[in-house]
Amino acid sequence: MNSLNSQIEFSFKTHQKLFMAAGIILLAAISILFSQLTIIVGSSLLLFLVLDPIVKQFEKRGLSRTTGTVIVFGLISIAIYFAGYYFIPIFFGQLHSLGETFKNISLQNEILSIELFLRKIFVTLPPGIISEKLEHFFESSIEQFFFEATKLLPDLVSIMLSLFVIPFVTFFMVKDRRKIAVNLLGILPNKYFELTYWIIKKISEQLGLYVRGWLIDASFIGIACGLSFHLIGIENAIALGIIAGLGHLIPYFGPIFGGVPAILISIIQNGNLNDVPLILSVLLLIYIIDNGIVEPIVFSKSIDIHPIIIILLIIAGSQVFGVVGMLLAVPIATVIKTAVKEIYFAFKNYKIARL
């Protein structure tokens, strides 16, 4: 019997990397084949992880889970209503102003000044060659932008359907949490029940910590950028701050999403580059505070993935699911990492997990 167990343990250790790789590939294949369903379930699960702890607080005060869920979603609905009535018009007003600002930019003078400057250094440059190349670049970039935008139109119905379905799926996930867990675990053989329950519990804890920290970190970036841009005197600071915060939901991209438009608006607004060093200094300070103070606090117990791996995951996610893939890449990696770690630990230490 001991010899058989030793052989099984050796066999698992020998092939564990192959099993892990196969599991990841299978999960990726299923996600690609059922991309719309994956996005809905993934988004609902992330929202569930944010809202579940709040509902638990109502349960601790003697309310039923259904009542707590209704109260939480009611408060969210009220918050969305007031945001839509008071705050969102300001945001979209500033966003429209940003669009008008960029639409009315005339780059001809700037292009000519750049060409004159370069021709003083490279005297052999033919007249007009730089202007022609730059104008062609901007025209092709605008055409490419509209081409990519029109490609999204067929997906508009599915996007609207997802936005409509996700709140309902999330509501029932939160309300029927225990029932769903019992039904899912009930289909497993008894010898795998404890292991599966433990893995789901650990994934839920790790992912919940990450998602809550993720939202706190993005909120910090949005508020810090918005206030900083306002103090510097940049127009439409609220919209720029919100763009930076939303952009930071894709790790490390927040300051870029907020900073580039802020620099362009500053140049257009002032007609010079005087505020650019100040904007870059402020963004650098925000980035240092975020990486040195905020992220270690909010992510200290959630994930342990190297920044280079995170960036590669984001790129891979963008290739498969676009923007949604960029948002879900790290949470999915957290799930896989936690599951593999706990399965390996169980096979190594507990007979209950062995085949």
Protein backbone atom coordinates (compact mmCIF):
# COMPACT_ATOMS: atom_id res chain seq x y z
CA MET A 1 0.00 0.00 0.00
CA ASN A 2 2.82 2.40 0.93
CA SER A 3 4.59 1.48 -2.30
CA LEU A 4 1.44 2.29 -4.29
CA ASN A 5 1.04 5.68 -2.56
CA SER A 6 4.71 6.45 -3.24
CA GLN A 7 4.26 5.61 -6.92
CA ILE A 8 1.16 7.82 -7.17
CA GLU A 9 2.92 10.69 -5.41
CA PHE A 10 5.98 10.32 -7.69
CA SER A 11 3.76 10.21 -10.77
CA PHE A 12 1.96 13.39 -9.74
CA LYS A 13 5.19 15.23 -8.98
CA THR A 14 6.63 14.14 -12.31
CA HIS A 15 3.68 15.42 -14.30
CA GLN A 16 2.43 18.31 -12.16
CA LYS A 17 3.74 21.02 -14.51
CA LEU A 18 2.08 19.26 -17.44
CA PHE A 19 -1.22 19.08 -15.53
CA MET A 20 -1.01 22.77 -14.60
CA ALA A 21 -0.21 23.84 -18.18
CA ALA A 22 -3.03 21.68 -19.56
CA GLY A 23 -5.49 23.15 -17.06
CA ILE A 24 -4.52 26.72 -17.97
CA ILE A 25 -4.77 25.98 -21.72
CA LEU A 26 -8.17 24.30 -21.25
CA LEU A 27 -9.47 27.26 -19.22
CA ALA A 28 -8.19 29.71 -21.85
CA ALA A 29 -9.79 27.69 -24.68
CA ILE A 30 -13.17 27.58 -22.91
CA SER A 31 -12.93 31.32 -22.18
CA ILE A 32 -12.23 32.12 -25.84
CA LEU A 33 -15.01 29.85 -27.16
CA PHE A 34 -17.55 31.35 -24.76
CA SER A 35 -16.11 34.87 -24.57
CA GLN A 36 -19.40 36.70 -23.99
CA LEU A 37 -20.41 34.31 -21.21
CA THR A 38 -16.92 34.54 -19.71
CA ILE A 39 -17.12 38.34 -19.60
CA ILE A 40 -20.57 38.30 -17.96
CA VAL A 41 -19.67 35.68 -15.36
CA GLY A 42 -16.23 37.19 -14.71
CA SER A 43 -17.58 40.72 -14.27
CA SER A 44 -20.42 39.50 -12.05
CA LEU A 45 -17.98 37.50 -9.92
CA LEU A 46 -15.76 40.57 -9.39
CA LEU A 47 -18.78 42.64 -8.34
CA PHE A 48 -19.89 39.80 -6.05
CA LEU A 49 -16.50 39.84 -4.32
CA VAL A 50 -16.89 43.58 -3.66
CA LEU A 51 -20.49 43.42 -2.41
CA ASP A 52 -20.48 40.14 -0.47
CA PRO A 53 -18.56 41.51 2.57
CA ILE A 54 -21.05 44.41 2.81
CA VAL A 55 -24.02 42.02 2.81
CA LYS A 56 -22.28 39.94 5.51
CA GLN A 57 -22.19 43.03 7.74
CA PHE A 58 -25.99 43.32 7.46
CA GLU A 59 -26.30 39.60 8.29
CA LYS A 60 -24.22 40.13 11.45
CA ARG A 61 -26.79 42.74 12.52
CA GLY A 62 -29.62 40.20 12.33
CA LEU A 63 -30.97 40.82 8.81
CA SER A 64 -31.56 38.01 6.34
CA ARG A 65 -29.22 37.68 3.38
CA THR A 66 -32.03 38.55 0.96
CA THR A 67 -32.87 41.74 2.90
CA GLY A 68 -29.19 42.71 3.09
CA THR A 69 -28.77 42.15 -0.65
CA VAL A 70 -31.85 44.26 -1.47
CA ILE A 71 -30.60 47.08 0.80
CA VAL A 72 -27.12 47.05 -0.80
CA PHE A 73 -28.48 47.10 -4.35
CA GLY A 74 -31.02 49.75 -3.34
CA LEU A 75 -28.23 51.98 -1.99
CA ILE A 76 -26.23 51.41 -5.17
CA SER A 77 -29.26 52.35 -7.29
CA ILE A 78 -29.76 55.56 -5.27
CA ALA A 79 -26.06 56.40 -5.61
CA ILE A 80 -26.20 55.81 -9.38
CA TYR A 81 -29.32 58.00 -9.63
CA PHE A 82 -27.74 60.94 -7.79
CA ALA A 83 -24.49 60.52 -9.69
CA GLY A 84 -26.46 60.51 -12.94
CA TYR A 85 -28.46 63.56 -11.92
CA TYR A 86 -25.71 65.75 -10.45
CA PHE A 87 -22.25 64.47 -11.28
CA ILE A 88 -22.39 62.64 -14.61
CA PRO A 89 -23.68 65.73 -16.53
CA ILE A 90 -20.60 67.63 -15.30
CA PHE A 91 -18.35 64.76 -16.38
CA PHE A 92 -19.90 64.44 -19.84
CA GLY A 93 -19.93 68.22 -20.21
CA GLN A 94 -16.20 68.31 -19.57
CA LEU A 95 -15.71 65.27 -21.81
CA HIS A 96 -17.56 67.09 -24.62
CA SER A 97 -15.36 70.13 -23.99
CA LEU A 98 -12.28 67.89 -24.26
CA GLY A 99 -13.55 66.53 -27.56
CA GLU A 100 -14.19 70.03 -28.93
CA THR A 101 -10.73 71.12 -27.81
CA PHE A 102 -8.99 68.28 -29.63
CA LYS A 103 -11.26 68.58 -32.67
CA ASN A 104 -10.42 72.25 -33.14
CA ILE A 105 -6.66 71.80 -32.85
CA SER A 106 -4.74 73.07 -35.87
CA LEU A 107 -1.33 71.44 -36.06
CA GLN A 108 -0.19 73.22 -39.23
CA ASN A 109 1.74 75.98 -37.43
CA GLU A 110 3.33 73.51 -35.00
CA ILE A 111 4.35 71.21 -37.87
CA LEU A 112 5.88 74.13 -39.79
CA SER A 113 7.83 75.31 -36.73
CA ILE A 114 9.17 71.77 -36.19
CA GLU A 115 10.21 71.58 -39.84
CA LEU A 116 12.00 74.95 -39.71
CA PHE A 117 13.85 73.88 -36.56
CA LEU A 118 14.97 70.56 -38.08
CA ARG A 119 16.02 72.15 -41.38
CA LYS A 120 18.42 74.39 -39.46
CA ILE A 121 20.10 71.21 -38.18
CA PHE A 122 19.70 69.04 -41.29
CA VAL A 123 20.14 71.55 -44.11
CA THR A 124 19.80 68.90 -46.82
CA LEU A 125 16.17 68.14 -45.96
CA PRO A 126 13.89 68.98 -48.92
CA PRO A 127 11.32 71.73 -48.15
CA GLY A 128 7.93 70.43 -47.14
CA ILE A 129 8.96 66.80 -46.67
CA ILE A 130 8.41 66.77 -42.87
CA SER A 131 5.04 68.53 -43.13
CA GLU A 132 3.91 66.03 -45.75
CA LYS A 133 4.98 63.02 -43.65
CA LEU A 134 3.42 64.33 -40.43
CA GLU A 135 0.13 65.27 -42.11
CA HIS A 136 -0.03 61.80 -43.69
CA PHE A 137 0.64 60.25 -40.27
CA PHE A 138 -2.18 62.19 -38.57
CA GLU A 139 -4.63 61.54 -41.43
CA SER A 140 -3.90 57.80 -41.41
CA SER A 141 -4.16 57.72 -37.60
CA ILE A 142 -7.62 59.37 -37.70
CA GLU A 143 -8.76 56.98 -40.45
CA GLN A 144 -7.50 54.00 -38.44
CA PHE A 145 -9.29 55.28 -35.33
CA PHE A 146 -12.64 55.52 -37.13
CA PHE A 147 -12.08 52.14 -38.79
CA GLU A 148 -11.50 50.51 -35.39
CA ALA A 149 -14.52 52.37 -33.96
CA THR A 150 -16.82 51.07 -36.74
CA LYS A 151 -15.59 47.53 -36.03
CA LEU A 152 -17.04 47.88 -32.53
CA LEU A 153 -20.55 48.74 -33.79
CA PRO A 154 -21.60 45.10 -34.43
CA ASP A 155 -20.64 44.34 -30.82
CA LEU A 156 -22.78 47.19 -29.46
CA VAL A 157 -25.83 44.96 -28.94
CA SER A 158 -23.82 42.35 -27.04
CA ILE A 159 -22.17 45.08 -24.93
CA MET A 160 -25.57 46.56 -24.01
CA LEU A 161 -26.88 43.06 -23.27
CA SER A 162 -23.92 42.43 -20.96
CA LEU A 163 -24.47 45.72 -19.12
CA PHE A 164 -28.11 44.74 -18.61
CA VAL A 165 -27.46 41.12 -17.57
CA ILE A 166 -24.43 41.61 -15.25
CA PRO A 167 -26.38 43.40 -12.44
CA PHE A 168 -29.01 40.63 -12.39
CA VAL A 169 -26.41 37.85 -12.34
CA THR A 170 -24.53 39.69 -9.58
CA PHE A 171 -27.72 40.17 -7.52
CA PHE A 172 -28.51 36.43 -7.53
CA MET A 173 -24.85 35.54 -6.89
CA VAL A 174 -24.91 37.69 -3.76
CA LYS A 175 -28.42 36.69 -2.61
CA ASP A 176 -28.05 32.93 -3.21
CA ARG A 177 -24.35 32.60 -2.37
CA ARG A 178 -24.76 29.62 -0.04
CA LYS A 179 -27.29 27.81 -2.25
CA ILE A 180 -25.01 28.16 -5.31
CA ALA A 181 -22.00 26.92 -3.34
CA VAL A 182 -23.90 23.89 -1.98
CA ASN A 183 -25.21 22.95 -5.44
CA LEU A 184 -21.77 23.24 -7.05
CA LEU A 185 -19.99 21.30 -4.30
CA GLY A 186 -22.78 18.73 -4.14
CA ILE A 187 -21.84 17.27 -7.54
CA LEU A 188 -18.34 16.34 -6.31
CA PRO A 189 -17.34 12.99 -4.76
CA ASN A 190 -17.01 13.19 -0.97
CA LYS A 191 -13.24 12.69 -1.00
CA TYR A 192 -12.79 15.89 -3.06
CA PHE A 193 -15.36 17.98 -1.16
CA GLU A 194 -12.99 19.30 1.52
CA LEU A 195 -10.21 20.11 -0.95
CA THR A 196 -12.55 21.90 -3.37
CA TYR A 197 -14.21 23.87 -0.58
CA TRP A 198 -10.79 24.95 0.70
CA ILE A 199 -9.60 26.01 -2.77
CA ILE A 200 -12.76 28.03 -3.46
CA LYS A 201 -12.47 29.67 -0.03
CA LYS A 202 -8.84 30.66 -0.62
CA ILE A 203 -9.56 31.95 -4.14
CA SER A 204 -12.51 33.98 -2.85
CA GLU A 205 -10.38 35.52 -0.08
CA GLN A 206 -7.42 36.35 -2.35
CA LEU A 207 -9.54 37.64 -5.21
CA GLY A 208 -11.77 39.65 -2.87
CA LEU A 209 -8.73 41.35 -1.32
CA TYR A 210 -7.34 42.09 -4.78
CA VAL A 211 -10.58 43.51 -6.23
CA ARG A 212 -11.23 45.78 -3.24
CA GLY A 213 -7.62 46.95 -3.28
CA TRP A 214 -7.86 47.42 -7.06
CA LEU A 215 -10.83 49.79 -6.69
CA ILE A 216 -9.23 51.70 -3.79
CA ASP A 217 -6.01 52.15 -5.77
CA ALA A 218 -7.85 53.34 -8.91
CA SER A 219 -9.89 55.78 -6.78
CA PHE A 220 -6.69 57.20 -5.28
CA ILE A 221 -5.17 57.74 -8.73
CA GLY A 222 -8.35 59.39 -10.06
CA ILE A 223 -8.78 61.74 -7.08
CA ALA A 224 -5.05 62.60 -6.90
CA CYS A 225 -4.80 63.34 -10.63
CA GLY A 226 -8.07 65.32 -10.72
CA LEU A 227 -7.12 67.51 -7.74
CA SER A 228 -3.57 68.02 -9.02
CA PHE A 229 -4.72 69.05 -12.49
CA HIS A 230 -7.27 71.43 -10.93
CA LEU A 231 -4.60 73.06 -8.73
CA ILE A 232 -2.27 73.43 -11.72
CA GLY A 233 -5.11 75.16 -13.56
CA ILE A 234 -5.79 72.64 -16.32
CA GLU A 235 -9.30 72.81 -17.77
CA ASN A 236 -11.67 69.82 -17.44
CA ALA A 237 -9.72 68.45 -14.46
CA ILE A 238 -12.67 66.34 -13.22
CA ALA A 239 -12.98 64.48 -16.52
CA LEU A 240 -9.21 63.96 -16.68
CA GLY A 241 -9.17 62.62 -13.12
CA ILE A 242 -11.98 60.15 -13.85
CA ILE A 243 -10.21 59.03 -17.04
CA ALA A 244 -7.00 58.48 -15.03
CA GLY A 245 -8.87 56.50 -12.36
CA LEU A 246 -10.69 54.31 -14.89
CA GLY A 247 -7.46 53.86 -16.82
CA HIS A 248 -5.71 52.66 -13.66
CA LEU A 249 -8.11 49.73 -13.46
CA ILE A 250 -5.60 48.42 -16.01
CA PRO A 251 -2.55 48.24 -13.67
CA TYR A 252 0.17 50.88 -14.25
CA PHE A 253 -1.79 52.69 -17.01
CA GLY A 254 -3.66 55.30 -14.93
CA PRO A 255 -1.09 58.13 -14.98
CA ILE A 256 -0.64 57.59 -18.74
CA PHE A 257 -4.39 57.78 -19.48
CA GLY A 258 -4.70 60.94 -17.39
CA GLY A 259 -1.31 62.50 -18.06
CA VAL A 260 -1.16 62.54 -21.86
CA PRO A 261 -4.48 64.44 -22.33
CA ALA A 262 -3.51 66.81 -19.47
CA ILE A 263 -0.22 67.68 -21.17
CA LEU A 264 -1.92 68.24 -24.54
CA ILE A 265 -4.63 70.44 -22.99
CA SER A 266 -1.99 72.43 -21.11
CA ILE A 267 -0.09 73.10 -24.33
CA ILE A 268 -3.28 74.11 -26.15
CA GLN A 269 -4.54 76.17 -23.20
CA ASN A 270 -1.30 78.11 -22.61
CA GLY A 271 0.23 78.00 -26.07
CA ASN A 272 3.55 76.84 -24.60
CA LEU A 273 5.27 74.02 -22.71
CA ASN A 274 5.67 75.90 -19.41
CA ASP A 275 3.36 73.61 -17.37
CA VAL A 276 4.60 70.34 -18.85
CA PRO A 277 7.51 69.85 -16.37
CA LEU A 278 5.11 70.56 -13.48
CA ILE A 279 2.53 68.06 -14.80
CA LEU A 280 5.22 65.40 -15.27
CA SER A 281 6.59 66.07 -11.76
CA VAL A 282 3.12 65.76 -10.22
CA LEU A 283 2.42 62.52 -12.11
CA LEU A 284 5.77 61.13 -11.00
CA LEU A 285 5.00 62.05 -7.37
CA ILE A 286 1.55 60.41 -7.59
CA TYR A 287 3.13 57.31 -9.14
CA ILE A 288 5.78 57.13 -6.37
CA ILE A 289 3.17 57.54 -3.60
CA ASP A 290 0.93 54.94 -5.25
CA ASN A 291 3.71 52.36 -5.67
CA GLY A 292 5.48 53.12 -2.41
CA ILE A 293 2.55 53.57 -0.01
CA VAL A 294 -0.92 52.85 -1.44
CA GLU A 295 -0.26 49.60 -3.36
CA PRO A 296 1.78 47.89 -0.59
CA ILE A 297 -1.09 48.59 1.84
CA VAL A 298 -4.03 47.55 -0.34
CA PHE A 299 -2.32 44.66 -2.17
CA SER A 300 -0.06 43.32 0.59
CA LYS A 301 -2.15 40.17 1.16
CA SER A 302 -3.79 39.72 -2.20
CA ILE A 303 -1.32 38.91 -5.00
CA ASP A 304 2.35 38.19 -5.44
CA ILE A 305 2.95 38.53 -9.17
CA HIS A 306 5.95 40.35 -10.66
CA PRO A 307 5.11 43.62 -12.49
CA ILE A 308 6.63 42.29 -15.75
CA ILE A 309 4.32 39.25 -15.59
CA ILE A 310 1.36 41.57 -14.93
CA ILE A 311 2.18 43.68 -18.01
CA LEU A 312 2.54 40.53 -20.17
CA LEU A 313 -0.80 39.26 -18.84
CA ILE A 314 -2.45 42.59 -19.71
CA ILE A 315 -1.06 42.43 -23.26
CA ALA A 316 -2.26 38.83 -23.65
CA GLY A 317 -5.69 39.75 -22.27
CA SER A 318 -6.00 42.63 -24.72
CA GLN A 319 -5.26 40.28 -27.63
CA VAL A 320 -8.01 37.84 -26.58
CA PHE A 321 -10.80 40.02 -25.12
CA GLY A 322 -9.74 43.62 -25.87
CA VAL A 323 -10.27 46.17 -23.09
CA VAL A 324 -12.25 43.68 -20.97
CA GLY A 325 -9.35 41.24 -21.25
CA MET A 326 -6.96 43.91 -19.98
CA LEU A 327 -9.22 44.44 -16.96
CA LEU A 328 -9.73 40.74 -16.18
CA ALA A 329 -6.20 39.48 -16.92
CA VAL A 330 -4.79 39.91 -13.40
CA PRO A 331 -7.88 38.63 -11.53
CA ILE A 332 -7.93 35.50 -13.72
CA ALA A 333 -4.19 35.01 -13.14
CA THR A 334 -4.83 35.36 -9.39
CA VAL A 335 -7.47 32.62 -9.54
CA ILE A 336 -5.19 30.25 -11.48
CA LYS A 337 -2.17 30.97 -9.27
CA THR A 338 -4.13 30.40 -6.04
CA ALA A 339 -5.80 27.22 -7.36
CA VAL A 340 -2.53 25.69 -8.56
CA LYS A 341 -0.77 26.58 -5.30
CA GLU A 342 -3.49 25.07 -3.11
CA ILE A 343 -3.87 21.92 -5.25
CA TYR A 344 -0.11 21.33 -5.16
CA PHE A 345 -0.05 21.88 -1.39
CA ALA A 346 -2.94 19.45 -0.92
CA PHE A 347 -1.41 16.71 -3.05
CA LYS A 348 1.89 17.15 -1.26
CA ASN A 349 0.55 17.11 2.30
CA TYR A 350 -2.86 15.40 2.49
CA LYS A 351 -3.93 11.90 1.48
CA ILE A 352 -7.47 13.21 0.99
CA ALA A 353 -6.32 14.97 -2.17
CA ARG A 354 -4.52 12.00 -3.70
CA LEU A 355 -6.06 10.02 -6.52
